[in-house]
Amino acid sequence: MTALEPDEVLSKGRLVRIGVAAALISRIFGRLVGIILVVVLARVADPATVALYGFLLGTVTLMASLTDLGVASLAGRDVAAKVAAAPAALRSALGPQALSTVVAVVLTCVVAVLAGPAGVEASVLVPCSVFVVANSVFNLWAEVLRGDGKVVLEGVLQGVGAMLLVTAGSLAVLAGAGIVPLLWIVAGKEIVVLAVATVWLRPGARTDAGPSFGALVRRSAWLAVAGTALVLLWRQGTLLVSGMASTRDLADYVVATRLLDASVTLAHTLGIGLFPGIAALAAEAPGAARAHARRYLVAVLGLSVPVAALGVLLAGPVTTGVFGGQWQSAVPAVRVLAAITPLILLGYLLWFVLLAEGQERWLCVGALAAAGTSVGVTAVLLAVEPGAAAGAWGTGAGALVLAVVLAIRFTTTRASRRAPVEVPRAGDAP
């Protein structure tokens, strides 16, 4: 594999910038317009429908995150690094992605039946399951599209999908539709954007050289464990505060974590935008990849630190102004979560940079250390003085450990060209 020419390095550098911009614009736009549907639902539908809708989508998201093998990210990286052509990578990843999807569907249905509110029936679980399948497959397509340099197309699909959901969903709710039609609209949106994505990218033929099923699953094992630990890092506070503190403390923590969710979403969005371009550079111009990564790390820290400081100072008036004066007790937790925003951003950017360089094992080490730290700190603080702030401090401790561990790996390893991953190909003789 020859080194990249200077103009090729510039081209891939533009891919980094365009990828970040496309991811930010499409995801933020999707979140903003998504609020419209929630507002319409809250104003028109009965509380039971609102509760069931929120519970089901939250459960789907959690189960999908917990069961994700990370195969889609690996496929996107292989395409960006030119280890595999997009059609071949897509076809090879479909099997492992289907495996994790089936597990997610089963877990979603089990949790919904056993722990869900009233109204969880087969008529609700069917569209919910269809959504899980369509969303999982589209996520694979999206990763491969980004890896293939089609970051703008992927961003447009995300934005158009959000508009379709909000428009159709709001009209249905205003017309008096219940939870079942609304869930079919949610599932239908995923099917539509997936169908459009297949126009630009289709799986390769069986003769295309792509990694075998077993090879992909083995490669993704470290990333699967790391991803599960990362979910635990951000969600342990809710679980522990719920079990070790009062209902009021849990309510305070739920209010405070609106900021945590926003920070994690922003950090993850920046990371997925950065990922394709860095992966493309890391394979052939690792020095340039590290240079681009450092620029974004410095820029993000430079912007987020003063914003976090402002958030700490204004936590009181902002919290009571948005949620009401009765939530003054949530302010200490909000202050802590505002203060750790730079750590969350730093951790996620380093996560995707190291993933682009093929360092899944180190991600696993960092995520497990962070999750263990967060659970331990939260549990100890809750035992000493129950309250929402304990969950926030535990999350902050975990975020600090994740950022430090990944930063150590980033700063102590020399940028070097990553050798192509030699894996068994589908159809190879044993």
Foldseek 3Di string as FASTA:
>chain_A
DAFDDPVVLVVLLVLLVVLLVLLVVLVVLLVVLLVLLLVLCVVQPDPVQSQQVVVLVVLLVLLLLLLDLCLLLVLLLCLLQVLFPLQASLVQSPVVLVVSLVSSLVSSLVCCVPPNDPDDDPLQSVLSSLQSVLVSSVSSLLSSCSLNSNSNLSSVLSNVLSVQLSVVSSVCSVVPHGNNVNSNSSSVSSVVSSVVSVVVYHHDDLPGWHFHNVQSSVLSNLVSLLSNLLSLLLCVLLVQLVVQHDPVQSVLLVLLCVLVVVLLSSLLSSLSSNQSSLLNCLQRPQVSSLVSLVVVLVVLLVPLQVQLVVCLVCLQVVSCVVPNPVSNQSSLLNNLSSNLSNLSNLLSSLVSNVVSNSNSNLSSVLSNVLSVQLNVQLNVVSVVPRHSNSNSVSSSSSSNSSNVSSVCVSVPDDRDNRDNDDHHTPPDDD
